[in-house]
PDB file of all heavy atoms in Angstrom:
ATOM      1  N   ALA A   1       0.814   6.889 -14.288  1.00  0.00           N
ATOM      2  CA  ALA A   1      -0.351   7.484 -13.651  1.00  0.00           C
ATOM      3  C   ALA A   1       0.095   8.750 -12.940  1.00  0.00           C
ATOM      4  O   ALA A   1       1.283   8.943 -12.681  1.00  0.00           O
ATOM      5  CB  ALA A   1      -0.959   6.499 -12.647  1.00  0.00           C
ATOM      6  N   PRO A   2      -0.845   9.650 -12.670  1.00  0.00           N
ATOM      7  CA  PRO A   2      -0.475  10.867 -11.942  1.00  0.00           C
ATOM      8  C   PRO A   2       0.242  10.533 -10.647  1.00  0.00           C
ATOM      9  O   PRO A   2      -0.022   9.504 -10.014  1.00  0.00           O
ATOM     10  CB  PRO A   2      -1.846  11.524 -11.672  1.00  0.00           C
ATOM     11  CG  PRO A   2      -2.738  11.012 -12.751  1.00  0.00           C
ATOM     12  CD  PRO A   2      -2.266   9.607 -13.010  1.00  0.00           C
ATOM     13  N   GLN A   3       1.139  11.419 -10.225  1.00  0.00           N
ATOM     14  CA  GLN A   3       1.963  11.148  -9.061  1.00  0.00           C
ATOM     15  C   GLN A   3       1.122  10.863  -7.819  1.00  0.00           C
ATOM     16  O   GLN A   3       1.437   9.964  -7.033  1.00  0.00           O
ATOM     17  CB  GLN A   3       2.889  12.340  -8.797  1.00  0.00           C
ATOM     18  CG  GLN A   3       3.885  12.100  -7.655  1.00  0.00           C
ATOM     19  CD  GLN A   3       4.875  13.234  -7.526  1.00  0.00           C
ATOM     20  OE1 GLN A   3       4.868  14.168  -8.322  1.00  0.00           O
ATOM     21  NE2 GLN A   3       5.727  13.160  -6.524  1.00  0.00           N
ATOM     22  N   GLY A   4       0.042  11.607  -7.618  1.00  0.00           N
ATOM     23  CA  GLY A   4      -0.809  11.401  -6.460  1.00  0.00           C
ATOM     24  C   GLY A   4      -1.454  10.033  -6.451  1.00  0.00           C
ATOM     25  O   GLY A   4      -1.577   9.402  -5.400  1.00  0.00           O
ATOM     26  N   VAL A   5      -1.848   9.551  -7.629  1.00  0.00           N
ATOM     27  CA  VAL A   5      -2.472   8.234  -7.741  1.00  0.00           C
ATOM     28  C   VAL A   5      -1.459   7.149  -7.421  1.00  0.00           C
ATOM     29  O   VAL A   5      -1.758   6.184  -6.707  1.00  0.00           O
ATOM     30  CB  VAL A   5      -3.070   8.027  -9.145  1.00  0.00           C
ATOM     31  CG1 VAL A   5      -3.595   6.599  -9.301  1.00  0.00           C
ATOM     32  CG2 VAL A   5      -4.177   9.032  -9.403  1.00  0.00           C
ATOM     33  N   ARG A   6      -0.232   7.305  -7.949  1.00  0.00           N
ATOM     34  CA  ARG A   6       0.814   6.319  -7.683  1.00  0.00           C
ATOM     35  C   ARG A   6       1.146   6.260  -6.194  1.00  0.00           C
ATOM     36  O   ARG A   6       1.332   5.181  -5.621  1.00  0.00           O
ATOM     37  CB  ARG A   6       2.072   6.635  -8.496  1.00  0.00           C
ATOM     38  CG  ARG A   6       1.924   6.410  -9.994  1.00  0.00           C
ATOM     39  CD  ARG A   6       3.291   6.301 -10.659  1.00  0.00           C
ATOM     40  NE  ARG A   6       4.100   7.490 -10.458  1.00  0.00           N
ATOM     41  CZ  ARG A   6       4.080   8.556 -11.254  1.00  0.00           C
ATOM     42  NH1 ARG A   6       3.265   8.579 -12.318  1.00  0.00           N
ATOM     43  NH2 ARG A   6       4.850   9.586 -11.025  1.00  0.00           N
ATOM     44  N   ALA A   7       1.221   7.442  -5.574  1.00  0.00           N
ATOM     45  CA  ALA A   7       1.537   7.491  -4.141  1.00  0.00           C
ATOM     46  C   ALA A   7       0.438   6.818  -3.323  1.00  0.00           C
ATOM     47  O   ALA A   7       0.717   6.097  -2.361  1.00  0.00           O
ATOM     48  CB  ALA A   7       1.710   8.942  -3.696  1.00  0.00           C
ATOM     49  N   GLN A   8      -0.809   7.040  -3.725  1.00  0.00           N
ATOM     50  CA  GLN A   8      -1.929   6.430  -3.019  1.00  0.00           C
ATOM     51  C   GLN A   8      -1.918   4.910  -3.175  1.00  0.00           C
ATOM     52  O   GLN A   8      -2.131   4.168  -2.209  1.00  0.00           O
ATOM     53  CB  GLN A   8      -3.249   6.992  -3.527  1.00  0.00           C
ATOM     54  CG  GLN A   8      -4.471   6.441  -2.789  1.00  0.00           C
ATOM     55  CD  GLN A   8      -5.771   7.024  -3.310  1.00  0.00           C
ATOM     56  OE1 GLN A   8      -5.828   7.574  -4.403  1.00  0.00           O
ATOM     57  NE2 GLN A   8      -6.827   6.910  -2.526  1.00  0.00           N
ATOM     58  N   LYS A   9      -1.640   4.454  -4.405  1.00  0.00           N
ATOM     59  CA  LYS A   9      -1.591   3.014  -4.655  1.00  0.00           C
ATOM     60  C   LYS A   9      -0.448   2.373  -3.865  1.00  0.00           C
ATOM     61  O   LYS A   9      -0.603   1.283  -3.297  1.00  0.00           O
ATOM     62  CB  LYS A   9      -1.416   2.742  -6.138  1.00  0.00           C
ATOM     63  CG  LYS A   9      -1.412   1.256  -6.477  1.00  0.00           C
ATOM     64  CD  LYS A   9      -1.286   1.015  -7.965  1.00  0.00           C
ATOM     65  CE  LYS A   9      -1.276  -0.489  -8.260  1.00  0.00           C
ATOM     66  NZ  LYS A   9      -1.129  -0.772  -9.697  1.00  0.00           N
ATOM     67  N   ARG A  10       0.689   3.053  -3.820  1.00  0.00           N
ATOM     68  CA  ARG A  10       1.828   2.532  -3.060  1.00  0.00           C
ATOM     69  C   ARG A  10       1.474   2.407  -1.584  1.00  0.00           C
ATOM     70  O   ARG A  10       1.761   1.389  -0.943  1.00  0.00           O
ATOM     71  CB  ARG A  10       3.034   3.456  -3.245  1.00  0.00           C
ATOM     72  CG  ARG A  10       4.253   3.050  -2.409  1.00  0.00           C
ATOM     73  CD  ARG A  10       5.391   4.043  -2.599  1.00  0.00           C
ATOM     74  NE  ARG A  10       6.492   3.716  -1.725  1.00  0.00           N
ATOM     75  CZ  ARG A  10       7.440   2.812  -1.985  1.00  0.00           C
ATOM     76  NH1 ARG A  10       7.407   2.145  -3.130  1.00  0.00           N
ATOM     77  NH2 ARG A  10       8.408   2.575  -1.131  1.00  0.00           N
ATOM     78  N   ALA A  11       0.845   3.442  -1.034  1.00  0.00           N
ATOM     79  CA  ALA A  11       0.469   3.428   0.375  1.00  0.00           C
ATOM     80  C   ALA A  11      -0.516   2.304   0.667  1.00  0.00           C
ATOM     81  O   ALA A  11      -0.417   1.625   1.702  1.00  0.00           O
ATOM     82  CB  ALA A  11      -0.135   4.772   0.767  1.00  0.00           C
ATOM     83  N   GLN A  12      -1.461   2.090  -0.238  1.00  0.00           N
ATOM     84  CA  GLN A  12      -2.450   1.024  -0.047  1.00  0.00           C
ATOM     85  C   GLN A  12      -1.796  -0.354  -0.104  1.00  0.00           C
ATOM     86  O   GLN A  12      -2.141  -1.246   0.676  1.00  0.00           O
ATOM     87  CB  GLN A  12      -3.543   1.136  -1.114  1.00  0.00           C
ATOM     88  CG  GLN A  12      -4.444   2.347  -0.936  1.00  0.00           C
ATOM     89  CD  GLN A  12      -5.392   2.547  -2.105  1.00  0.00           C
ATOM     90  OE1 GLN A  12      -5.214   1.946  -3.180  1.00  0.00           O
ATOM     91  NE2 GLN A  12      -6.401   3.370  -1.921  1.00  0.00           N
ATOM     92  N   THR A  13      -0.847  -0.521  -1.028  1.00  0.00           N
ATOM     93  CA  THR A  13      -0.149  -1.805  -1.135  1.00  0.00           C
ATOM     94  C   THR A  13       0.680  -2.080   0.115  1.00  0.00           C
ATOM     95  O   THR A  13       0.674  -3.193   0.652  1.00  0.00           O
ATOM     96  CB  THR A  13       0.765  -1.807  -2.380  1.00  0.00           C
ATOM     97  OG1 THR A  13      -0.033  -1.610  -3.550  1.00  0.00           O
ATOM     98  CG2 THR A  13       1.511  -3.139  -2.507  1.00  0.00           C
ATOM     99  N   ILE A  14       1.390  -1.061   0.600  1.00  0.00           N
ATOM    100  CA  ILE A  14       2.190  -1.211   1.816  1.00  0.00           C
ATOM    101  C   ILE A  14       1.301  -1.574   2.995  1.00  0.00           C
ATOM    102  O   ILE A  14       1.638  -2.452   3.797  1.00  0.00           O
ATOM    103  CB  ILE A  14       2.988   0.071   2.102  1.00  0.00           C
ATOM    104  CG1 ILE A  14       4.113   0.233   1.068  1.00  0.00           C
ATOM    105  CG2 ILE A  14       3.557   0.067   3.517  1.00  0.00           C
ATOM    106  CD1 ILE A  14       4.862   1.540   1.176  1.00  0.00           C
ATOM    107  N   GLU A  15       0.151  -0.933   3.089  1.00  0.00           N
ATOM    108  CA  GLU A  15      -0.755  -1.217   4.197  1.00  0.00           C
ATOM    109  C   GLU A  15      -1.259  -2.653   4.143  1.00  0.00           C
ATOM    110  O   GLU A  15      -1.346  -3.329   5.177  1.00  0.00           O
ATOM    111  CB  GLU A  15      -1.947  -0.244   4.162  1.00  0.00           C
ATOM    112  CG  GLU A  15      -2.972  -0.465   5.271  1.00  0.00           C
ATOM    113  CD  GLU A  15      -2.409  -0.303   6.670  1.00  0.00           C
ATOM    114  OE1 GLU A  15      -1.375   0.388   6.832  1.00  0.00           O
ATOM    115  OE2 GLU A  15      -2.991  -0.875   7.620  1.00  0.00           O
ATOM    116  N   ARG A  16      -1.560  -3.158   2.943  1.00  0.00           N
ATOM    117  CA  ARG A  16      -2.016  -4.539   2.811  1.00  0.00           C
ATOM    118  C   ARG A  16      -0.903  -5.513   3.197  1.00  0.00           C
ATOM    119  O   ARG A  16      -1.153  -6.534   3.843  1.00  0.00           O
ATOM    120  CB  ARG A  16      -2.503  -4.812   1.389  1.00  0.00           C
ATOM    121  CG  ARG A  16      -3.847  -4.160   1.068  1.00  0.00           C
ATOM    122  CD  ARG A  16      -4.473  -4.792  -0.157  1.00  0.00           C
ATOM    123  NE  ARG A  16      -3.713  -4.529  -1.369  1.00  0.00           N
ATOM    124  CZ  ARG A  16      -3.896  -3.473  -2.155  1.00  0.00           C
ATOM    125  NH1 ARG A  16      -4.805  -2.557  -1.827  1.00  0.00           N
ATOM    126  NH2 ARG A  16      -3.186  -3.308  -3.247  1.00  0.00           N
ATOM    127  N   ILE A  17       0.319  -5.196   2.778  1.00  0.00           N
ATOM    128  CA  ILE A  17       1.454  -6.057   3.129  1.00  0.00           C
ATOM    129  C   ILE A  17       1.659  -6.077   4.636  1.00  0.00           C
ATOM    130  O   ILE A  17       1.848  -7.144   5.242  1.00  0.00           O
ATOM    131  CB  ILE A  17       2.739  -5.584   2.418  1.00  0.00           C
ATOM    132  CG1 ILE A  17       2.640  -5.829   0.906  1.00  0.00           C
ATOM    133  CG2 ILE A  17       3.970  -6.297   2.983  1.00  0.00           C
ATOM    134  CD1 ILE A  17       3.780  -5.224   0.098  1.00  0.00           C
ATOM    135  N   VAL A  18       1.615  -4.909   5.263  1.00  0.00           N
ATOM    136  CA  VAL A  18       1.819  -4.818   6.710  1.00  0.00           C
ATOM    137  C   VAL A  18       0.702  -5.542   7.460  1.00  0.00           C
ATOM    138  O   VAL A  18       0.957  -6.244   8.444  1.00  0.00           O
ATOM    139  CB  VAL A  18       1.906  -3.338   7.142  1.00  0.00           C
ATOM    140  CG1 VAL A  18       1.878  -3.222   8.655  1.00  0.00           C
ATOM    141  CG2 VAL A  18       3.179  -2.698   6.593  1.00  0.00           C
ATOM    142  N   GLU A  19      -0.529  -5.391   7.007  1.00  0.00           N
ATOM    143  CA  GLU A  19      -1.664  -6.074   7.655  1.00  0.00           C
ATOM    144  C   GLU A  19      -1.476  -7.583   7.604  1.00  0.00           C
ATOM    145  O   GLU A  19      -1.668  -8.287   8.598  1.00  0.00           O
ATOM    146  CB  GLU A  19      -2.972  -5.689   6.956  1.00  0.00           C
ATOM    147  CG  GLU A  19      -3.525  -4.337   7.337  1.00  0.00           C
ATOM    148  CD  GLU A  19      -4.186  -4.344   8.693  1.00  0.00           C
ATOM    149  OE1 GLU A  19      -4.411  -5.434   9.247  1.00  0.00           O
ATOM    150  OE2 GLU A  19      -4.461  -3.251   9.218  1.00  0.00           O
ATOM    151  N   GLU A  20      -1.119  -8.089   6.425  1.00  0.00           N
ATOM    152  CA  GLU A  20      -0.972  -9.528   6.273  1.00  0.00           C
ATOM    153  C   GLU A  20       0.267 -10.024   7.025  1.00  0.00           C
ATOM    154  O   GLU A  20       0.265 -11.123   7.584  1.00  0.00           O
ATOM    155  CB  GLU A  20      -0.869  -9.897   4.796  1.00  0.00           C
ATOM    156  CG  GLU A  20      -1.097 -11.363   4.495  1.00  0.00           C
ATOM    157  CD  GLU A  20      -2.491 -11.838   4.862  1.00  0.00           C
ATOM    158  OE1 GLU A  20      -3.432 -11.016   4.855  1.00  0.00           O
ATOM    159  OE2 GLU A  20      -2.648 -13.037   5.170  1.00  0.00           O
ATOM    160  N   ALA A  21       1.306  -9.216   7.051  1.00  0.00           N
ATOM    161  CA  ALA A  21       2.511  -9.579   7.795  1.00  0.00           C
ATOM    162  C   ALA A  21       2.215  -9.664   9.292  1.00  0.00           C
ATOM    163  O   ALA A  21       2.726 -10.540   9.990  1.00  0.00           O
ATOM    164  CB  ALA A  21       3.621  -8.561   7.539  1.00  0.00           C
ATOM    165  N   ASN A  22       1.385  -8.765   9.776  1.00  0.00           N
ATOM    166  CA  ASN A  22       1.012  -8.784  11.185  1.00  0.00           C
ATOM    167  C   ASN A  22       0.255 -10.068  11.530  1.00  0.00           C
ATOM    168  O   ASN A  22       0.506 -10.694  12.569  1.00  0.00           O
ATOM    169  CB  ASN A  22       0.143  -7.568  11.505  1.00  0.00           C
ATOM    170  CG  ASN A  22      -0.106  -7.406  12.998  1.00  0.00           C
ATOM    171  OD1 ASN A  22       0.827  -7.230  13.769  1.00  0.00           O
ATOM    172  ND2 ASN A  22      -1.365  -7.455  13.400  1.00  0.00           N
ATOM    173  N   ALA A  23      -0.653 -10.480  10.645  1.00  0.00           N
ATOM    174  CA  ALA A  23      -1.401 -11.722  10.858  1.00  0.00           C
ATOM    175  C   ALA A  23      -0.459 -12.927  10.834  1.00  0.00           C
ATOM    176  O   ALA A  23      -0.572 -13.842  11.664  1.00  0.00           O
ATOM    177  CB  ALA A  23      -2.482 -11.869   9.788  1.00  0.00           C
ATOM    178  N   LEU A  24       0.481 -12.938   9.888  1.00  0.00           N
ATOM    179  CA  LEU A  24       1.438 -14.039   9.792  1.00  0.00           C
ATOM    180  C   LEU A  24       2.324 -14.098  11.032  1.00  0.00           C
ATOM    181  O   LEU A  24       2.598 -15.179  11.568  1.00  0.00           O
ATOM    182  CB  LEU A  24       2.304 -13.869   8.545  1.00  0.00           C
ATOM    183  CG  LEU A  24       3.425 -14.899   8.343  1.00  0.00           C
ATOM    184  CD1 LEU A  24       2.850 -16.306   8.184  1.00  0.00           C
ATOM    185  CD2 LEU A  24       4.271 -14.528   7.115  1.00  0.00           C
TER     186      LEU A  24
END
């Protein structure tokens, strides 16, 4: 995928992981 799309997807995945980690 275009570099910008990959970077956006990576950032979104990291944010979801951090959110769930904070809850845990």
